């Protein structure tokens, strides 16, 4: 934990997203000032837990006020072709403001030779972060269990869900555990995790047939996984209004996972948490209401 007894200020980017929202919850009650960066001023979104600043990572000129007086930045860029530009704008604002540490959310398998554009774009931002002149830690989480919530409407209505993942086996992780890992890093002394890139996974690698089996037990009714083609999933997602770039990205990940790319786990989350990360059965039980209510639309 920090010494000197001075509260640090952490700026949370991507503040309305799944991971950042979970991170702010994980940091509630900590001796730390939370500041949330949002594109437009939120209306009481964060209650008293965070000071809200309007700013857009697409617009470098909008960022300096939010970064002023900040020691730590939680850096999460939106998925898209401008992600490295967004990362660059944030890092520049941080350098100009005298920020001490960057904790960056990357993605599993981020590398210049990743089999998907998202992984290659994340690699560019990871490399820039490593050379930013500030202390840094990079988190590379595996497939989010929360992605299953996108299938909740189908599961609740029909007892089945469809993905273009074939028999892929994936070391999926609960976003709440990713957030707890990020909180651990942010609450520790900046030197402790400097220069580390942590790949975060759940406790085991699962097929979606196994996920369906676990969901069946947790929900007390039969749940079935129906593998579908890339084209079928693409058509469904486009029908929900998901942007084409995101649909392409999801398809590239699905093809990589179907080839065995995601079949691994690490002990890193357990080491950071001091306990095993949550299993998919725990996740389904905790979100049982979502899987039994019929009112769902695509979320990301």
C-alpha atoms as a PDB file:
ATOM      1  CA  UNK A   1       0.000   0.000   0.000  1.00  0.00           C
ATOM      2  CA  UNK A   2       1.039   3.625  -0.414  1.00  0.00           C
ATOM      3  CA  UNK A   3       3.191   5.324   2.154  1.00  0.00           C
ATOM      4  CA  UNK A   4       3.181   9.011   3.191  1.00  0.00           C
ATOM      5  CA  UNK A   5      -0.577   8.955   3.842  1.00  0.00           C
ATOM      6  CA  UNK A   6      -1.409  11.294   0.962  1.00  0.00           C
ATOM      7  CA  UNK A   7      -4.476  10.361  -1.059  1.00  0.00           C
ATOM      8  CA  UNK A   8      -3.756   9.883  -4.729  1.00  0.00           C
ATOM      9  CA  UNK A   9      -6.060  10.973  -7.535  1.00  0.00           C
ATOM     10  CA  UNK A  10      -6.812   8.385 -10.203  1.00  0.00           C
ATOM     11  CA  UNK A  11      -8.434   9.311 -13.510  1.00  0.00           C
ATOM     12  CA  UNK A  12     -10.727   6.589 -14.871  1.00  0.00           C
ATOM     13  CA  UNK A  13     -11.073   6.713 -18.656  1.00  0.00           C
ATOM     14  CA  UNK A  14     -13.806   4.777 -20.465  1.00  0.00           C
ATOM     15  CA  UNK A  15     -15.764   5.537 -17.305  1.00  0.00           C
ATOM     16  CA  UNK A  16     -19.180   4.420 -18.567  1.00  0.00           C
ATOM     17  CA  UNK A  17     -17.915   1.048 -19.859  1.00  0.00           C
ATOM     18  CA  UNK A  18     -18.241  -2.371 -18.256  1.00  0.00           C
ATOM     19  CA  UNK A  19     -14.696  -2.675 -16.893  1.00  0.00           C
ATOM     20  CA  UNK A  20     -14.287   0.920 -15.699  1.00  0.00           C
ATOM     21  CA  UNK A  21     -17.678   0.875 -13.967  1.00  0.00           C
ATOM     22  CA  UNK A  22     -16.638  -2.318 -12.159  1.00  0.00           C
ATOM     23  CA  UNK A  23     -13.277  -0.740 -11.284  1.00  0.00           C
ATOM     24  CA  UNK A  24     -14.913   2.300  -9.704  1.00  0.00           C
ATOM     25  CA  UNK A  25     -17.044  -0.051  -7.636  1.00  0.00           C
ATOM     26  CA  UNK A  26     -13.923  -2.008  -6.617  1.00  0.00           C
ATOM     27  CA  UNK A  27     -12.235   1.234  -5.506  1.00  0.00           C
ATOM     28  CA  UNK A  28     -15.197   2.456  -3.445  1.00  0.00           C
ATOM     29  CA  UNK A  29     -14.079   3.222   0.079  1.00  0.00           C
ATOM     30  CA  UNK A  30     -10.370   3.240  -0.817  1.00  0.00           C
ATOM     31  CA  UNK A  31      -8.202   6.171   0.251  1.00  0.00           C
ATOM     32  CA  UNK A  32      -8.097   7.559  -3.268  1.00  0.00           C
ATOM     33  CA  UNK A  33      -9.790  10.404  -5.126  1.00  0.00           C
ATOM     34  CA  UNK A  34     -11.678   9.089  -8.149  1.00  0.00           C
ATOM     35  CA  UNK A  35     -12.084  11.167 -11.256  1.00  0.00           C
ATOM     36  CA  UNK A  36     -14.168   9.912 -14.188  1.00  0.00           C
ATOM     37  CA  UNK A  37     -13.575  10.983 -17.793  1.00  0.00           C
ATOM     38  CA  UNK A  38     -16.779  10.913 -19.851  1.00  0.00           C
ATOM     39  CA  UNK A  39     -17.566  12.230 -23.303  1.00  0.00           C
ATOM     40  CA  UNK A  40     -20.477  14.274 -22.011  1.00  0.00           C
ATOM     41  CA  UNK A  41     -21.209  15.413 -18.471  1.00  0.00           C
ATOM     42  CA  UNK A  42     -23.081  12.579 -16.784  1.00  0.00           C
ATOM     43  CA  UNK A  43     -26.166  13.267 -14.743  1.00  0.00           C
ATOM     44  CA  UNK A  44     -25.398  11.921 -11.283  1.00  0.00           C
ATOM     45  CA  UNK A  45     -24.025   8.710 -12.783  1.00  0.00           C
ATOM     46  CA  UNK A  46     -21.392   8.241 -10.123  1.00  0.00           C
ATOM     47  CA  UNK A  47     -23.090   9.770  -7.111  1.00  0.00           C
ATOM     48  CA  UNK A  48     -20.494  11.086  -4.710  1.00  0.00           C
ATOM     49  CA  UNK A  49     -17.907   8.426  -5.562  1.00  0.00           C
ATOM     50  CA  UNK A  50     -16.188  10.241  -8.433  1.00  0.00           C
ATOM     51  CA  UNK A  51     -15.605  13.737  -9.740  1.00  0.00           C
ATOM     52  CA  UNK A  52     -16.783  13.842 -13.359  1.00  0.00           C
ATOM     53  CA  UNK A  53     -14.824  15.572 -16.124  1.00  0.00           C
ATOM     54  CA  UNK A  54     -16.001  15.876 -19.717  1.00  0.00           C
ATOM     55  CA  UNK A  55     -13.377  14.995 -22.322  1.00  0.00           C
ATOM     56  CA  UNK A  56     -12.994  12.900 -25.441  1.00  0.00           C
ATOM     57  CA  UNK A  57      -9.937  10.761 -26.241  1.00  0.00           C
ATOM     58  CA  UNK A  58     -10.594  11.608 -29.915  1.00  0.00           C
ATOM     59  CA  UNK A  59      -9.991  15.292 -29.092  1.00  0.00           C
ATOM     60  CA  UNK A  60      -6.582  15.952 -27.547  1.00  0.00           C
ATOM     61  CA  UNK A  61      -7.498  19.556 -26.733  1.00  0.00           C
ATOM     62  CA  UNK A  62     -10.374  18.459 -24.511  1.00  0.00           C
ATOM     63  CA  UNK A  63      -8.169  16.425 -22.153  1.00  0.00           C
ATOM     64  CA  UNK A  64      -5.797  18.693 -20.105  1.00  0.00           C
ATOM     65  CA  UNK A  65      -8.319  19.790 -17.431  1.00  0.00           C
ATOM     66  CA  UNK A  66      -9.205  16.189 -16.575  1.00  0.00           C
ATOM     67  CA  UNK A  67      -5.534  15.162 -16.218  1.00  0.00           C
ATOM     68  CA  UNK A  68      -4.438  18.121 -14.095  1.00  0.00           C
ATOM     69  CA  UNK A  69      -3.457  17.068 -10.566  1.00  0.00           C
ATOM     70  CA  UNK A  70      -3.751  13.351 -11.338  1.00  0.00           C
ATOM     71  CA  UNK A  71      -1.173  10.787 -10.132  1.00  0.00           C
ATOM     72  CA  UNK A  72      -2.613   7.614 -11.704  1.00  0.00           C
ATOM     73  CA  UNK A  73      -4.469   7.032 -14.969  1.00  0.00           C
ATOM     74  CA  UNK A  74      -6.611   3.975 -15.711  1.00  0.00           C
ATOM     75  CA  UNK A  75      -6.338   3.973 -19.489  1.00  0.00           C
ATOM     76  CA  UNK A  76      -9.058   2.229 -21.459  1.00  0.00           C
ATOM     77  CA  UNK A  77      -9.543   3.143 -25.113  1.00  0.00           C
ATOM     78  CA  UNK A  78     -12.680   2.373 -27.143  1.00  0.00           C
ATOM     79  CA  UNK A  79     -12.490  -0.523 -29.598  1.00  0.00           C
ATOM     80  CA  UNK A  80     -11.938   0.858 -33.050  1.00  0.00           C
ATOM     81  CA  UNK A  81      -9.326   1.828 -35.616  1.00  0.00           C
ATOM     82  CA  UNK A  82      -8.555   5.046 -33.709  1.00  0.00           C
ATOM     83  CA  UNK A  83      -7.583   3.204 -30.519  1.00  0.00           C
ATOM     84  CA  UNK A  84      -3.828   3.948 -30.860  1.00  0.00           C
ATOM     85  CA  UNK A  85      -4.602   7.637 -31.475  1.00  0.00           C
ATOM     86  CA  UNK A  86      -6.824   7.666 -28.379  1.00  0.00           C
ATOM     87  CA  UNK A  87      -4.048   6.032 -26.341  1.00  0.00           C
ATOM     88  CA  UNK A  88      -1.517   8.546 -27.694  1.00  0.00           C
ATOM     89  CA  UNK A  89      -3.731  11.507 -26.796  1.00  0.00           C
ATOM     90  CA  UNK A  90      -4.197  10.208 -23.251  1.00  0.00           C
ATOM     91  CA  UNK A  91      -0.496   9.490 -22.740  1.00  0.00           C
ATOM     92  CA  UNK A  92       0.464  12.936 -24.014  1.00  0.00           C
ATOM     93  CA  UNK A  93      -2.034  14.642 -21.708  1.00  0.00           C
ATOM     94  CA  UNK A  94      -0.698  12.517 -18.833  1.00  0.00           C
ATOM     95  CA  UNK A  95       2.928  13.429 -19.578  1.00  0.00           C
ATOM     96  CA  UNK A  96       2.101  17.125 -19.818  1.00  0.00           C
ATOM     97  CA  UNK A  97       0.229  16.957 -16.484  1.00  0.00           C
ATOM     98  CA  UNK A  98       3.053  15.170 -14.641  1.00  0.00           C
ATOM     99  CA  UNK A  99       1.115  11.938 -14.076  1.00  0.00           C
ATOM    100  CA  UNK A 100       3.174   9.288 -12.282  1.00  0.00           C
ATOM    101  CA  UNK A 101       1.626   6.021 -13.434  1.00  0.00           C
ATOM    102  CA  UNK A 102      -0.439   4.508 -16.258  1.00  0.00           C
ATOM    103  CA  UNK A 103      -2.430   1.296 -15.759  1.00  0.00           C
ATOM    104  CA  UNK A 104      -3.622   0.305 -19.211  1.00  0.00           C
ATOM    105  CA  UNK A 105      -6.327  -2.158 -20.216  1.00  0.00           C
ATOM    106  CA  UNK A 106      -5.090  -4.043 -23.259  1.00  0.00           C
ATOM    107  CA  UNK A 107      -6.455  -7.329 -24.608  1.00  0.00           C
ATOM    108  CA  UNK A 108      -5.554 -10.995 -24.475  1.00  0.00           C
ATOM    109  CA  UNK A 109      -2.880 -11.932 -27.000  1.00  0.00           C
ATOM    110  CA  UNK A 110      -2.087  -8.326 -27.964  1.00  0.00           C
ATOM    111  CA  UNK A 111       0.883  -8.582 -30.330  1.00  0.00           C
ATOM    112  CA  UNK A 112       2.071  -7.236 -33.657  1.00  0.00           C
ATOM    113  CA  UNK A 113       1.320 -10.669 -35.144  1.00  0.00           C
ATOM    114  CA  UNK A 114      -2.051 -11.220 -33.412  1.00  0.00           C
ATOM    115  CA  UNK A 115      -4.641 -12.935 -35.643  1.00  0.00           C
ATOM    116  CA  UNK A 116      -7.030 -10.001 -35.245  1.00  0.00           C
ATOM    117  CA  UNK A 117      -6.878  -6.264 -35.862  1.00  0.00           C
ATOM    118  CA  UNK A 118      -7.875  -5.453 -32.291  1.00  0.00           C
ATOM    119  CA  UNK A 119      -4.883  -7.376 -30.919  1.00  0.00           C
ATOM    120  CA  UNK A 120      -2.507  -5.657 -33.348  1.00  0.00           C
ATOM    121  CA  UNK A 121      -3.902  -2.206 -32.517  1.00  0.00           C
ATOM    122  CA  UNK A 122      -3.547  -2.953 -28.790  1.00  0.00           C
ATOM    123  CA  UNK A 123       0.074  -3.964 -29.419  1.00  0.00           C
ATOM    124  CA  UNK A 124       0.809  -0.508 -30.843  1.00  0.00           C
ATOM    125  CA  UNK A 125      -0.655   1.152 -27.751  1.00  0.00           C
ATOM    126  CA  UNK A 126       1.107  -1.289 -25.408  1.00  0.00           C
ATOM    127  CA  UNK A 127       4.459  -0.485 -26.987  1.00  0.00           C
ATOM    128  CA  UNK A 128       3.856   3.259 -26.733  1.00  0.00           C
ATOM    129  CA  UNK A 129       2.814   2.871 -23.092  1.00  0.00           C
ATOM    130  CA  UNK A 130       6.000   0.925 -22.310  1.00  0.00           C
ATOM    131  CA  UNK A 131       8.045   3.868 -23.610  1.00  0.00           C
ATOM    132  CA  UNK A 132       5.946   6.692 -22.163  1.00  0.00           C
ATOM    133  CA  UNK A 133       8.449   7.773 -19.510  1.00  0.00           C
ATOM    134  CA  UNK A 134       5.975   7.151 -16.674  1.00  0.00           C
ATOM    135  CA  UNK A 135       5.535   4.075 -14.520  1.00  0.00           C
ATOM    136  CA  UNK A 136       3.238   1.618 -16.271  1.00  0.00           C
ATOM    137  CA  UNK A 137       1.396  -1.666 -15.906  1.00  0.00           C
ATOM    138  CA  UNK A 138      -0.556  -3.374 -18.691  1.00  0.00           C
ATOM    139  CA  UNK A 139      -3.484  -5.744 -18.107  1.00  0.00           C
ATOM    140  CA  UNK A 140      -4.381  -8.192 -20.887  1.00  0.00           C
ATOM    141  CA  UNK A 141      -7.633  -9.917 -19.899  1.00  0.00           C
ATOM    142  CA  UNK A 142      -9.078 -12.956 -21.631  1.00  0.00           C
ATOM    143  CA  UNK A 143     -12.644 -13.217 -23.027  1.00  0.00           C
ATOM    144  CA  UNK A 144     -15.141 -11.570 -20.659  1.00  0.00           C
ATOM    145  CA  UNK A 145     -17.786 -13.774 -19.052  1.00  0.00           C
ATOM    146  CA  UNK A 146     -19.985 -10.656 -19.284  1.00  0.00           C
ATOM    147  CA  UNK A 147     -20.100 -11.255 -23.058  1.00  0.00           C
ATOM    148  CA  UNK A 148     -22.555 -14.033 -22.185  1.00  0.00           C
ATOM    149  CA  UNK A 149     -25.024 -11.333 -21.131  1.00  0.00           C
ATOM    150  CA  UNK A 150     -25.326 -10.443 -24.824  1.00  0.00           C
ATOM    151  CA  UNK A 151     -26.951 -13.887 -25.222  1.00  0.00           C
ATOM    152  CA  UNK A 152     -29.233 -13.484 -22.200  1.00  0.00           C
ATOM    153  CA  UNK A 153     -32.299 -12.584 -24.269  1.00  0.00           C
ATOM    154  CA  UNK A 154     -32.029 -15.777 -26.293  1.00  0.00           C
ATOM    155  CA  UNK A 155     -31.251 -17.875 -23.220  1.00  0.00           C
ATOM    156  CA  UNK A 156     -34.241 -16.538 -21.311  1.00  0.00           C
ATOM    157  CA  UNK A 157     -36.608 -16.842 -24.307  1.00  0.00           C
ATOM    158  CA  UNK A 158     -35.494 -20.146 -25.841  1.00  0.00           C
ATOM    159  CA  UNK A 159     -33.050 -21.847 -23.453  1.00  0.00           C
ATOM    160  CA  UNK A 160     -30.366 -21.685 -26.144  1.00  0.00           C
ATOM    161  CA  UNK A 161     -27.646 -19.325 -27.376  1.00  0.00           C
ATOM    162  CA  UNK A 162     -25.772 -19.148 -30.673  1.00  0.00           C
ATOM    163  CA  UNK A 163     -22.125 -18.188 -31.207  1.00  0.00           C
ATOM    164  CA  UNK A 164     -19.736 -18.637 -34.106  1.00  0.00           C
ATOM    165  CA  UNK A 165     -17.150 -20.198 -31.773  1.00  0.00           C
ATOM    166  CA  UNK A 166     -17.409 -23.845 -32.935  1.00  0.00           C
ATOM    167  CA  UNK A 167     -15.814 -25.976 -30.189  1.00  0.00           C
ATOM    168  CA  UNK A 168     -13.449 -23.225 -29.016  1.00  0.00           C
ATOM    169  CA  UNK A 169     -12.064 -23.644 -25.512  1.00  0.00           C
ATOM    170  CA  UNK A 170     -11.458 -20.315 -23.722  1.00  0.00           C
ATOM    171  CA  UNK A 171      -9.963 -19.311 -20.349  1.00  0.00           C
ATOM    172  CA  UNK A 172     -12.751 -16.754 -19.833  1.00  0.00           C
ATOM    173  CA  UNK A 173     -12.727 -14.323 -16.895  1.00  0.00           C
ATOM    174  CA  UNK A 174     -15.319 -12.338 -14.936  1.00  0.00           C
ATOM    175  CA  UNK A 175     -14.976  -8.571 -15.459  1.00  0.00           C
ATOM    176  CA  UNK A 176     -15.399  -8.127 -11.707  1.00  0.00           C
ATOM    177  CA  UNK A 177     -12.118 -10.009 -11.237  1.00  0.00           C
ATOM    178  CA  UNK A 178     -10.405  -7.881 -13.884  1.00  0.00           C
ATOM    179  CA  UNK A 179     -11.575  -4.805 -11.966  1.00  0.00           C
ATOM    180  CA  UNK A 180     -10.340  -6.217  -8.650  1.00  0.00           C
ATOM    181  CA  UNK A 181      -6.938  -6.914 -10.235  1.00  0.00           C
ATOM    182  CA  UNK A 182      -6.792  -3.351 -11.569  1.00  0.00           C
ATOM    183  CA  UNK A 183      -7.775  -1.998  -8.155  1.00  0.00           C
ATOM    184  CA  UNK A 184      -5.022  -4.056  -6.523  1.00  0.00           C
ATOM    185  CA  UNK A 185      -2.430  -2.573  -8.909  1.00  0.00           C
ATOM    186  CA  UNK A 186      -3.711   0.980  -8.377  1.00  0.00           C
ATOM    187  CA  UNK A 187      -3.751   0.626  -4.581  1.00  0.00           C
ATOM    188  CA  UNK A 188      -0.237  -0.815  -4.434  1.00  0.00           C
ATOM    189  CA  UNK A 189       2.875   1.346  -4.538  1.00  0.00           C
ATOM    190  CA  UNK A 190       3.548   2.474  -8.151  1.00  0.00           C
ATOM    191  CA  UNK A 191       6.937   0.741  -8.142  1.00  0.00           C
ATOM    192  CA  UNK A 192       5.494  -2.671  -7.287  1.00  0.00           C
ATOM    193  CA  UNK A 193       3.888  -3.459 -10.655  1.00  0.00           C
ATOM    194  CA  UNK A 194       5.975  -1.161 -12.857  1.00  0.00           C
ATOM    195  CA  UNK A 195       6.996  -2.740 -16.149  1.00  0.00           C
ATOM    196  CA  UNK A 196       4.598  -5.694 -15.829  1.00  0.00           C
ATOM    197  CA  UNK A 197       2.159  -6.945 -18.468  1.00  0.00           C
ATOM    198  CA  UNK A 198      -0.342  -9.223 -16.758  1.00  0.00           C
ATOM    199  CA  UNK A 199      -2.420 -11.729 -18.754  1.00  0.00           C
ATOM    200  CA  UNK A 200      -5.586 -12.312 -16.728  1.00  0.00           C
ATOM    201  CA  UNK A 201      -7.742 -15.423 -17.157  1.00  0.00           C
ATOM    202  CA  UNK A 202     -10.412 -17.289 -15.263  1.00  0.00           C
ATOM    203  CA  UNK A 203      -9.743 -20.516 -13.361  1.00  0.00           C
ATOM    204  CA  UNK A 204     -10.234 -22.908 -16.276  1.00  0.00           C
ATOM    205  CA  UNK A 205     -10.566 -23.182 -20.020  1.00  0.00           C
ATOM    206  CA  UNK A 206     -14.116 -24.011 -21.136  1.00  0.00           C
ATOM    207  CA  UNK A 207     -16.005 -24.855 -24.308  1.00  0.00           C
ATOM    208  CA  UNK A 208     -19.398 -23.223 -24.789  1.00  0.00           C
ATOM    209  CA  UNK A 209     -21.020 -26.660 -24.412  1.00  0.00           C
ATOM    210  CA  UNK A 210     -19.461 -26.713 -20.930  1.00  0.00           C
ATOM    211  CA  UNK A 211     -20.678 -23.161 -20.314  1.00  0.00           C
ATOM    212  CA  UNK A 212     -24.202 -24.309 -21.273  1.00  0.00           C
ATOM    213  CA  UNK A 213     -23.907 -27.274 -18.875  1.00  0.00           C
ATOM    214  CA  UNK A 214     -22.825 -24.963 -16.035  1.00  0.00           C
ATOM    215  CA  UNK A 215     -25.640 -22.545 -16.861  1.00  0.00           C
ATOM    216  CA  UNK A 216     -28.155 -25.416 -16.858  1.00  0.00           C
ATOM    217  CA  UNK A 217     -27.116 -26.373 -13.326  1.00  0.00           C
ATOM    218  CA  UNK A 218     -27.026 -22.774 -12.081  1.00  0.00           C
ATOM    219  CA  UNK A 219     -30.414 -21.850 -13.575  1.00  0.00           C
ATOM    220  CA  UNK A 220     -32.116 -25.167 -12.936  1.00  0.00           C
ATOM    221  CA  UNK A 221     -33.266 -25.647 -16.535  1.00  0.00           C
ATOM    222  CA  UNK A 222     -31.649 -26.993 -19.695  1.00  0.00           C
ATOM    223  CA  UNK A 223     -29.489 -24.497 -21.634  1.00  0.00           C
ATOM    224  CA  UNK A 224     -28.045 -25.401 -25.041  1.00  0.00           C
ATOM    225  CA  UNK A 225     -25.174 -23.966 -27.061  1.00  0.00           C
ATOM    226  CA  UNK A 226     -25.829 -23.837 -30.817  1.00  0.00           C
ATOM    227  CA  UNK A 227     -22.709 -23.244 -32.930  1.00  0.00           C
ATOM    228  CA  UNK A 228     -23.479 -21.097 -35.979  1.00  0.00           C
ATOM    229  CA  UNK A 229     -21.498 -19.900 -38.993  1.00  0.00           C
ATOM    230  CA  UNK A 230     -19.626 -16.602 -39.122  1.00  0.00           C
ATOM    231  CA  UNK A 231     -22.122 -15.376 -41.719  1.00  0.00           C
ATOM    232  CA  UNK A 232     -25.124 -16.181 -39.525  1.00  0.00           C
ATOM    233  CA  UNK A 233     -23.609 -14.376 -36.527  1.00  0.00           C
ATOM    234  CA  UNK A 234     -22.571 -11.431 -38.698  1.00  0.00           C
ATOM    235  CA  UNK A 235     -26.110 -11.076 -40.052  1.00  0.00           C
ATOM    236  CA  UNK A 236     -27.579 -11.204 -36.529  1.00  0.00           C
ATOM    237  CA  UNK A 237     -25.162  -8.601 -35.124  1.00  0.00           C
ATOM    238  CA  UNK A 238     -25.617  -6.222 -38.057  1.00  0.00           C
ATOM    239  CA  UNK A 239     -29.367  -6.661 -37.563  1.00  0.00           C
ATOM    240  CA  UNK A 240     -28.957  -5.445 -33.975  1.00  0.00           C
ATOM    241  CA  UNK A 241     -27.212  -2.327 -35.306  1.00  0.00           C
ATOM    242  CA  UNK A 242     -23.712  -3.304 -34.151  1.00  0.00           C
ATOM    243  CA  UNK A 243     -21.155  -1.263 -36.151  1.00  0.00           C
ATOM    244  CA  UNK A 244     -19.459  -3.136 -38.991  1.00  0.00           C
ATOM    245  CA  UNK A 245     -15.964  -2.603 -37.547  1.00  0.00           C
ATOM    246  CA  UNK A 246     -17.035  -4.249 -34.274  1.00  0.00           C
ATOM    247  CA  UNK A 247     -18.704  -7.117 -36.162  1.00  0.00           C
ATOM    248  CA  UNK A 248     -15.479  -7.663 -38.139  1.00  0.00           C
ATOM    249  CA  UNK A 249     -13.461  -7.576 -34.905  1.00  0.00           C
ATOM    250  CA  UNK A 250     -15.729 -10.134 -33.200  1.00  0.00           C
ATOM    251  CA  UNK A 251     -15.513 -12.412 -36.235  1.00  0.00           C
ATOM    252  CA  UNK A 252     -11.699 -12.258 -36.246  1.00  0.00           C
ATOM    253  CA  UNK A 253     -11.627 -13.168 -32.552  1.00  0.00           C
ATOM    254  CA  UNK A 254     -14.126 -15.994 -33.105  1.00  0.00           C
ATOM    255  CA  UNK A 255     -11.973 -17.458 -35.885  1.00  0.00           C
ATOM    256  CA  UNK A 256      -8.874 -17.227 -33.688  1.00  0.00           C
ATOM    257  CA  UNK A 257     -10.648 -18.834 -30.731  1.00  0.00           C
ATOM    258  CA  UNK A 258     -12.079 -21.580 -32.938  1.00  0.00           C
ATOM    259  CA  UNK A 259      -8.510 -22.450 -33.951  1.00  0.00           C
ATOM    260  CA  UNK A 260      -7.501 -22.965 -30.291  1.00  0.00           C
ATOM    261  CA  UNK A 261      -5.914 -19.512 -29.751  1.00  0.00           C
ATOM    262  CA  UNK A 262      -7.701 -18.930 -26.427  1.00  0.00           C
ATOM    263  CA  UNK A 263      -7.217 -22.343 -24.826  1.00  0.00           C
ATOM    264  CA  UNK A 264      -5.047 -21.422 -21.846  1.00  0.00           C
ATOM    265  CA  UNK A 265      -5.140 -20.026 -18.319  1.00  0.00           C
ATOM    266  CA  UNK A 266      -2.626 -18.213 -16.114  1.00  0.00           C
ATOM    267  CA  UNK A 267      -2.262 -17.932 -12.328  1.00  0.00           C
ATOM    268  CA  UNK A 268      -1.829 -14.156 -12.536  1.00  0.00           C
ATOM    269  CA  UNK A 269      -5.339 -13.138 -11.477  1.00  0.00           C
ATOM    270  CA  UNK A 270      -5.213 -15.505  -8.497  1.00  0.00           C
ATOM    271  CA  UNK A 271      -1.819 -14.061  -7.495  1.00  0.00           C
ATOM    272  CA  UNK A 272      -3.145 -10.479  -7.644  1.00  0.00           C
ATOM    273  CA  UNK A 273      -6.465 -11.297  -5.964  1.00  0.00           C
ATOM    274  CA  UNK A 274      -5.119 -13.605  -3.285  1.00  0.00           C
ATOM    275  CA  UNK A 275      -7.920 -16.046  -4.187  1.00  0.00           C
ATOM    276  CA  UNK A 276      -9.025 -18.051  -7.221  1.00  0.00           C
ATOM    277  CA  UNK A 277     -10.887 -15.985  -9.839  1.00  0.00           C
ATOM    278  CA  UNK A 278     -14.607 -16.673 -10.171  1.00  0.00           C
ATOM    279  CA  UNK A 279     -15.877 -19.590 -12.234  1.00  0.00           C
ATOM    280  CA  UNK A 280     -18.541 -19.325 -14.931  1.00  0.00           C
ATOM    281  CA  UNK A 281     -20.994 -21.145 -12.637  1.00  0.00           C
ATOM    282  CA  UNK A 282     -20.594 -18.335 -10.077  1.00  0.00           C
ATOM    283  CA  UNK A 283     -21.075 -15.779 -12.843  1.00  0.00           C
ATOM    284  CA  UNK A 284     -24.318 -17.339 -14.092  1.00  0.00           C
ATOM    285  CA  UNK A 285     -25.687 -17.676 -10.556  1.00  0.00           C
ATOM    286  CA  UNK A 286     -24.866 -14.035  -9.781  1.00  0.00           C
ATOM    287  CA  UNK A 287     -26.594 -12.910 -12.992  1.00  0.00           C
ATOM    288  CA  UNK A 288     -29.481 -15.387 -12.904  1.00  0.00           C
ATOM    289  CA  UNK A 289     -32.036 -12.583 -13.156  1.00  0.00           C
ATOM    290  CA  UNK A 290     -30.546 -11.455 -16.474  1.00  0.00           C
ATOM    291  CA  UNK A 291     -30.805 -14.963 -17.908  1.00  0.00           C
ATOM    292  CA  UNK A 292     -34.436 -15.348 -16.860  1.00  0.00           C
ATOM    293  CA  UNK A 293     -35.811 -11.959 -17.952  1.00  0.00           C
ATOM    294  CA  UNK A 294     -37.019 -11.668 -21.549  1.00  0.00           C
ATOM    295  CA  UNK A 295     -36.184  -7.987 -22.105  1.00  0.00           C
ATOM    296  CA  UNK A 296     -32.701  -7.856 -23.667  1.00  0.00           C
ATOM    297  CA  UNK A 297     -30.949  -6.138 -26.507  1.00  0.00           C
ATOM    298  CA  UNK A 298     -27.332  -6.134 -27.672  1.00  0.00           C
ATOM    299  CA  UNK A 299     -24.935  -4.462 -25.242  1.00  0.00           C
ATOM    300  CA  UNK A 300     -21.234  -3.895 -25.579  1.00  0.00           C
END
